């Protein structure tokens, strides 16, 4: 028998090291409460397995992108990111997602929102969550999106076409300023931290200050309940200091523990989202961490193998490396970010109709 629930056009895509459902805004209810209810039923939330939906039972695979033509002159399309809870029925727009962003440009071309170039296409994307603008450039030979290529990124099997993401106006994306506490260093629970927001609110702390090395596997970190409690305490207090209020039920700020690099990179990282150890590191989270490390006096600055500002920097994480470029003007007060960029890949997994749980 045919489904009694109306279907919704949907494209499932891998963007960077995340996976999400991409929708045109016009295909979803205009009322936010109705939209969120629909998305929860589509993703299969609340359920730790998301067995009755298309979510992947993990925060990295329970994500949604809502796309529409932009009304502004500085962008081609608008991209709203929504983090869908897994076990809890939550829908959050309090952060961006740079990994899902990697699929937004190709999706816009696939849906006819942006005309493809003959060889490559650049799409200016307004990230609705923060008002920041990113430009995604990717191959479109013959005017068709080509997902194949020889670019490999850590945490994703095989290779795909490069999607180059250039960011503008990412400072203070959620908090209003690059250093939302007004200081390069703060002390929370006796631990020195740097609170930074260059596209993603992040609390940076030295791993050794929390009793770990910073080289543990995500599984080892997840098994450390004492560490989990300390990370939660840090982020709850930092959330208030950063102007985010009560972040008990929020996914931001992220917490990144840093250690000296041990594989030829700039820094070694272990990130919590918000309490679950990340298998790698988020795109905008990495941009924020690198930005902090470029600041003299920031936590981790002395641990980092720093090239000159504007050079591409390798951020080590549990499954490899992520290359980030941040051009920072630290001669002014407060410091200003001229630009930042990163290379990701994306791939279309399916394009069709999804049927929500009734």
Protein backbone atom coordinates (compact mmCIF):
# COMPACT_ATOMS: atom_id res chain seq x y z
CA UNK A 1 0.00 0.00 0.00
CA UNK A 2 1.27 3.53 -0.64
CA UNK A 3 2.36 5.60 2.33
CA UNK A 4 -0.40 7.63 3.98
CA UNK A 5 2.15 10.32 4.89
CA UNK A 6 2.98 12.88 2.19
CA UNK A 7 6.57 12.64 1.02
CA UNK A 8 9.07 15.49 0.98
CA UNK A 9 11.73 16.03 -1.73
CA UNK A 10 15.10 15.42 -0.13
CA UNK A 11 18.73 14.93 -1.09
CA UNK A 12 20.97 13.02 1.30
CA UNK A 13 24.57 14.16 1.02
CA UNK A 14 27.89 13.60 2.68
CA UNK A 15 29.44 16.96 3.36
CA UNK A 16 33.00 16.73 4.65
CA UNK A 17 32.95 14.28 7.56
CA UNK A 18 29.23 14.77 8.23
CA UNK A 19 26.08 13.52 6.56
CA UNK A 20 22.82 15.38 6.29
CA UNK A 21 19.44 15.77 4.65
CA UNK A 22 19.24 18.75 2.28
CA UNK A 23 15.92 20.44 1.57
CA UNK A 24 14.63 23.41 -0.35
CA UNK A 25 12.99 25.79 2.11
CA UNK A 26 9.87 25.86 -0.07
CA UNK A 27 9.41 22.12 0.46
CA UNK A 28 9.19 22.49 4.24
CA UNK A 29 6.50 24.18 6.38
CA UNK A 30 6.99 27.91 6.87
CA UNK A 31 5.92 27.62 10.50
CA UNK A 32 9.02 26.79 12.55
CA UNK A 33 7.25 24.50 15.01
CA UNK A 34 5.64 22.52 12.18
CA UNK A 35 8.96 22.36 10.32
CA UNK A 36 10.84 21.09 13.35
CA UNK A 37 8.20 18.46 14.09
CA UNK A 38 8.41 17.24 10.49
CA UNK A 39 12.21 17.05 10.57
CA UNK A 40 12.20 15.08 13.82
CA UNK A 41 9.86 12.55 12.23
CA UNK A 42 11.95 12.40 9.06
CA UNK A 43 15.19 11.80 10.98
CA UNK A 44 13.65 9.29 13.41
CA UNK A 45 14.20 11.32 16.58
CA UNK A 46 13.92 10.65 19.51
CA UNK A 47 15.52 7.23 19.34
CA UNK A 48 19.18 6.30 19.94
CA UNK A 49 19.14 4.23 16.74
CA UNK A 50 16.89 6.58 14.73
CA UNK A 51 15.61 3.32 13.34
CA UNK A 52 12.39 4.79 11.91
CA UNK A 53 14.06 7.65 10.04
CA UNK A 54 17.05 8.56 7.91
CA UNK A 55 19.26 9.81 10.75
CA UNK A 56 22.47 7.89 11.33
CA UNK A 57 22.23 7.52 15.14
CA UNK A 58 25.05 10.02 15.68
CA UNK A 59 25.18 13.80 15.94
CA UNK A 60 27.47 13.89 12.88
CA UNK A 61 24.83 12.17 10.75
CA UNK A 62 21.69 13.79 12.18
CA UNK A 63 21.94 17.11 10.39
CA UNK A 64 19.75 19.17 8.08
CA UNK A 65 20.43 21.91 5.54
CA UNK A 66 17.58 24.19 4.44
CA UNK A 67 18.38 26.07 1.23
CA UNK A 68 16.71 28.95 -0.60
CA UNK A 69 17.59 31.74 -3.02
CA UNK A 70 19.11 34.69 -1.22
CA UNK A 71 17.45 38.08 -1.07
CA UNK A 72 20.76 39.81 -0.38
CA UNK A 73 23.15 41.26 -2.94
CA UNK A 74 26.26 39.73 -1.35
CA UNK A 75 25.14 36.10 -1.65
CA UNK A 76 23.45 33.74 -4.10
CA UNK A 77 21.70 31.43 -1.65
CA UNK A 78 20.75 31.19 2.01
CA UNK A 79 21.75 28.14 4.05
CA UNK A 80 20.14 27.39 7.38
CA UNK A 81 21.81 24.60 9.36
CA UNK A 82 19.77 22.60 11.85
CA UNK A 83 21.29 20.11 14.28
CA UNK A 84 18.76 17.39 14.99
CA UNK A 85 18.98 15.55 18.30
CA UNK A 86 19.28 11.77 18.33
CA UNK A 87 17.94 10.59 21.68
CA UNK A 88 16.33 13.94 22.55
CA UNK A 89 13.69 15.62 20.33
CA UNK A 90 15.69 18.80 19.75
CA UNK A 91 16.23 20.99 16.70
CA UNK A 92 18.94 23.63 17.14
CA UNK A 93 19.92 26.55 14.92
CA UNK A 94 22.49 27.91 17.39
CA UNK A 95 25.53 26.98 15.30
CA UNK A 96 26.85 26.69 11.77
CA UNK A 97 28.18 23.47 10.24
CA UNK A 98 31.12 23.83 7.88
CA UNK A 99 31.05 20.17 6.88
CA UNK A 100 27.42 20.21 5.73
CA UNK A 101 28.28 23.55 4.08
CA UNK A 102 30.50 21.63 1.64
CA UNK A 103 27.42 20.11 0.00
CA UNK A 104 25.36 23.30 -0.16
CA UNK A 105 26.85 24.73 -3.36
CA UNK A 106 26.50 21.48 -5.34
CA UNK A 107 22.93 21.07 -4.01
CA UNK A 108 22.05 24.60 -5.15
CA UNK A 109 23.29 23.82 -8.65
CA UNK A 110 21.51 20.45 -8.68
CA UNK A 111 18.23 22.15 -7.72
CA UNK A 112 18.62 24.93 -10.29
CA UNK A 113 19.05 27.76 -7.78
CA UNK A 114 22.43 28.69 -9.27
CA UNK A 115 23.56 28.32 -12.88
CA UNK A 116 26.61 26.10 -13.28
CA UNK A 117 29.78 27.35 -14.91
CA UNK A 118 31.26 25.37 -17.78
CA UNK A 119 34.32 24.22 -15.81
CA UNK A 120 33.94 25.42 -12.22
CA UNK A 121 31.23 27.13 -10.24
CA UNK A 122 31.51 29.49 -7.27
CA UNK A 123 28.44 29.93 -5.07
CA UNK A 124 28.19 32.68 -2.48
CA UNK A 125 26.39 31.25 0.54
CA UNK A 126 24.90 33.23 3.39
CA UNK A 127 24.99 31.12 6.53
CA UNK A 128 21.68 32.13 8.07
CA UNK A 129 22.68 30.95 11.54
CA UNK A 130 25.34 33.64 11.83
CA UNK A 131 24.95 36.01 8.88
CA UNK A 132 28.46 35.07 7.69
CA UNK A 133 29.18 34.52 4.02
CA UNK A 134 31.14 31.64 2.51
CA UNK A 135 32.07 31.03 -1.10
CA UNK A 136 32.14 27.41 -2.27
CA UNK A 137 34.03 26.58 -5.46
CA UNK A 138 33.75 23.13 -7.05
CA UNK A 139 34.03 21.45 -10.47
CA UNK A 140 31.10 21.53 -12.90
CA UNK A 141 32.54 20.29 -16.22
CA UNK A 142 30.05 20.82 -19.01
CA UNK A 143 27.73 22.58 -16.56
CA UNK A 144 27.14 19.46 -14.42
CA UNK A 145 28.30 18.90 -10.83
CA UNK A 146 31.09 16.33 -10.78
CA UNK A 147 31.61 14.72 -7.38
CA UNK A 148 34.52 12.53 -8.49
CA UNK A 149 38.09 13.60 -7.94
CA UNK A 150 41.39 12.81 -6.27
CA UNK A 151 41.09 14.87 -3.08
CA UNK A 152 41.20 12.84 0.12
CA UNK A 153 40.13 14.15 3.51
CA UNK A 154 40.75 12.42 6.81
CA UNK A 155 37.77 10.49 8.12
CA UNK A 156 36.25 9.76 4.69
CA UNK A 157 37.11 6.68 2.63
CA UNK A 158 38.39 7.18 -0.89
CA UNK A 159 38.63 10.46 -2.78
CA UNK A 160 36.27 13.01 -4.30
CA UNK A 161 36.25 16.41 -5.96
CA UNK A 162 37.63 19.29 -3.90
CA UNK A 163 35.20 21.88 -2.57
CA UNK A 164 37.14 25.00 -1.59
CA UNK A 165 35.38 27.02 1.11
CA UNK A 166 36.38 30.65 1.64
CA UNK A 167 34.89 32.41 4.66
CA UNK A 168 34.13 36.04 5.34
CA UNK A 169 32.63 37.80 8.36
CA UNK A 170 32.86 34.71 10.55
CA UNK A 171 34.19 36.56 13.60
CA UNK A 172 31.70 36.48 16.43
CA UNK A 173 29.31 34.23 14.49
CA UNK A 174 27.31 33.37 17.61
CA UNK A 175 28.88 35.48 20.33
CA UNK A 176 29.30 38.85 18.61
CA UNK A 177 33.09 39.07 18.79
CA UNK A 178 36.20 37.01 18.14
CA UNK A 179 37.11 36.94 21.84
CA UNK A 180 33.67 37.05 23.44
CA UNK A 181 34.93 37.27 27.03
CA UNK A 182 37.09 40.26 26.10
CA UNK A 183 40.25 38.39 27.07
CA UNK A 184 42.73 36.06 25.41
CA UNK A 185 42.74 33.85 28.52
CA UNK A 186 40.21 33.11 31.23
CA UNK A 187 40.33 30.75 34.20
CA UNK A 188 37.44 28.34 34.79
CA UNK A 189 37.60 25.70 37.54
CA UNK A 190 41.29 26.50 37.89
CA UNK A 191 41.91 25.69 34.22
CA UNK A 192 43.21 28.31 31.80
CA UNK A 193 41.07 28.51 28.64
CA UNK A 194 40.74 30.63 25.54
CA UNK A 195 37.19 31.31 24.42
CA UNK A 196 37.02 32.09 20.72
CA UNK A 197 34.39 32.44 18.00
CA UNK A 198 35.54 32.58 14.39
CA UNK A 199 32.63 30.70 12.89
CA UNK A 200 32.10 28.35 15.85
CA UNK A 201 32.16 29.12 19.59
CA UNK A 202 34.97 27.01 21.05
CA UNK A 203 36.61 26.67 24.44
CA UNK A 204 40.30 25.81 23.99
CA UNK A 205 42.14 24.15 26.88
CA UNK A 206 45.44 22.31 27.24
CA UNK A 207 44.79 18.57 27.48
CA UNK A 208 47.27 18.13 30.31
CA UNK A 209 45.35 20.66 32.42
CA UNK A 210 42.43 18.24 32.40
CA UNK A 211 44.53 15.23 33.30
CA UNK A 212 44.89 13.66 29.83
CA UNK A 213 47.61 13.68 27.19
CA UNK A 214 45.56 14.85 24.21
CA UNK A 215 46.57 11.76 22.22
CA UNK A 216 43.86 9.42 23.53
CA UNK A 217 41.39 7.77 21.17
CA UNK A 218 37.77 9.00 21.21
CA UNK A 219 36.77 5.73 22.89
CA UNK A 220 39.30 6.25 25.66
CA UNK A 221 38.06 9.79 26.22
CA UNK A 222 34.42 8.68 26.18
CA UNK A 223 35.16 6.13 28.92
CA UNK A 224 36.55 8.82 31.23
CA UNK A 225 33.49 9.99 33.16
CA UNK A 226 35.53 12.37 35.28
CA UNK A 227 36.78 14.11 32.14
CA UNK A 228 33.24 14.33 30.80
CA UNK A 229 32.11 16.07 33.98
CA UNK A 230 34.98 18.55 33.81
CA UNK A 231 34.30 19.34 30.15
CA UNK A 232 30.64 19.92 30.96
CA UNK A 233 31.53 22.25 33.81
CA UNK A 234 33.93 24.19 31.59
CA UNK A 235 31.43 24.66 28.77
CA UNK A 236 28.52 25.60 31.04
CA UNK A 237 30.53 28.37 32.67
CA UNK A 238 32.16 29.42 29.41
CA UNK A 239 28.74 29.64 27.76
CA UNK A 240 27.73 32.35 30.21
CA UNK A 241 31.06 34.18 29.88
CA UNK A 242 30.71 34.08 26.08
CA UNK A 243 27.22 35.57 26.14
CA UNK A 244 25.50 32.34 25.13
CA UNK A 245 23.54 32.00 28.36
CA UNK A 246 22.53 28.60 29.68
CA UNK A 247 24.03 26.08 27.25
CA UNK A 248 22.96 22.95 29.13
CA UNK A 249 20.84 21.77 26.20
CA UNK A 250 22.88 23.45 23.46
CA UNK A 251 25.55 21.97 21.22
CA UNK A 252 27.79 25.03 21.61
CA UNK A 253 30.31 25.95 22.73
CA UNK A 254 32.47 23.05 21.64
CA UNK A 255 35.46 22.16 23.80
CA UNK A 256 38.81 21.39 22.16
CA UNK A 257 41.74 20.02 24.10
CA UNK A 258 45.12 20.76 22.53
CA UNK A 259 48.52 19.11 22.77
CA UNK A 260 51.82 19.51 20.95
CA UNK A 261 51.72 18.03 17.43
CA UNK A 262 53.20 14.59 17.03
CA UNK A 263 52.66 13.89 13.33
CA UNK A 264 54.17 16.93 11.66
CA UNK A 265 51.10 19.13 11.97
CA UNK A 266 50.50 22.46 13.68
CA UNK A 267 48.64 21.18 16.76
CA UNK A 268 47.04 17.98 18.03
CA UNK A 269 43.36 18.25 19.00
CA UNK A 270 40.63 16.32 20.76
CA UNK A 271 37.17 17.87 20.46
CA UNK A 272 33.89 17.27 22.30
CA UNK A 273 30.49 17.89 20.61
CA UNK A 274 29.41 18.95 23.14
CA UNK A 275 30.33 16.02 25.43
CA UNK A 276 30.83 13.19 22.95
CA UNK A 277 34.43 12.93 21.70
CA UNK A 278 34.61 13.83 18.01
CA UNK A 279 36.19 11.32 15.63
CA UNK A 280 37.90 14.25 13.90
CA UNK A 281 37.18 17.99 14.28
CA UNK A 282 34.53 20.24 12.78
CA UNK A 283 35.40 22.61 9.94
CA UNK A 284 34.50 25.87 11.64
CA UNK A 285 35.64 24.50 14.96
CA UNK A 286 39.08 23.96 13.44
CA UNK A 287 39.04 27.48 11.99
CA UNK A 288 38.27 28.89 15.44
CA UNK A 289 40.95 26.80 17.14
CA UNK A 290 43.63 27.82 14.63
CA UNK A 291 42.59 31.46 15.01
CA UNK A 292 43.02 31.22 18.78
CA UNK A 293 46.43 29.56 18.49
CA UNK A 294 47.69 32.40 16.31
CA UNK A 295 47.12 34.84 19.19
CA UNK A 296 50.09 35.47 21.43
CA UNK A 297 49.16 34.47 24.96
CA UNK A 298 46.29 32.17 23.98
CA UNK A 299 46.07 28.70 25.49
CA UNK A 300 48.01 26.34 23.23
CA UNK A 301 49.96 29.09 21.46
CA UNK A 302 53.22 27.82 22.96
CA UNK A 303 52.39 24.23 21.94
CA UNK A 304 51.69 24.98 18.29
CA UNK A 305 54.17 24.71 15.43
CA UNK A 306 53.16 28.03 13.95
CA UNK A 307 53.79 29.05 10.34
CA UNK A 308 53.15 32.60 9.27
CA UNK A 309 49.57 33.87 9.31
CA UNK A 310 47.87 33.17 6.00
CA UNK A 311 49.67 29.87 5.47
CA UNK A 312 47.79 26.57 5.37
CA UNK A 313 48.01 24.78 8.70
CA UNK A 314 47.52 21.09 9.48
CA UNK A 315 45.31 20.39 12.48
CA UNK A 316 45.88 16.87 13.79
CA UNK A 317 42.81 15.00 15.06
CA UNK A 318 42.03 11.34 15.93
CA UNK A 319 41.55 10.19 12.33
CA UNK A 320 44.10 12.33 10.50
CA UNK A 321 44.53 16.00 9.65
CA UNK A 322 42.50 18.97 8.52
CA UNK A 323 44.12 21.78 6.54
CA UNK A 324 43.04 25.28 7.56
CA UNK A 325 44.13 28.72 6.39
CA UNK A 326 43.56 31.77 8.57
CA UNK A 327 44.86 35.24 7.70
CA UNK A 328 44.80 37.13 10.98
CA UNK A 329 45.72 40.74 11.67
CA UNK A 330 46.94 40.57 15.26
CA UNK A 331 48.45 44.09 15.15
CA UNK A 332 45.07 45.67 15.93
CA UNK A 333 43.02 45.46 19.13
CA UNK A 334 40.86 43.47 18.99
CA UNK A 335 42.48 41.22 16.35
CA UNK A 336 40.75 41.00 12.98
CA UNK A 337 40.39 38.00 10.67
CA UNK A 338 41.03 38.98 7.08
CA UNK A 339 39.96 35.65 5.63
CA UNK A 340 39.95 31.92 6.28
CA UNK A 341 39.55 28.91 4.02
CA UNK A 342 39.45 25.16 4.03
CA UNK A 343 39.25 22.28 1.55
CA UNK A 344 36.46 19.71 1.88
CA UNK A 345 34.71 17.21 -0.37
CA UNK A 346 31.04 16.27 -0.78
CA UNK A 347 29.03 13.55 -2.46
CA UNK A 348 25.39 13.08 -3.36
CA UNK A 349 24.13 9.85 -1.77
CA UNK A 350 20.51 9.85 -2.91
CA UNK A 351 17.99 12.25 -4.39
CA UNK A 352 14.31 11.45 -4.04
CA UNK A 353 11.41 11.55 -1.62
CA UNK A 354 11.56 10.91 2.09
CA UNK A 355 8.47 9.83 4.04
CA UNK A 356 8.24 11.03 7.67
CA UNK A 357 7.01 8.87 10.49
CA UNK A 358 3.30 9.50 11.12
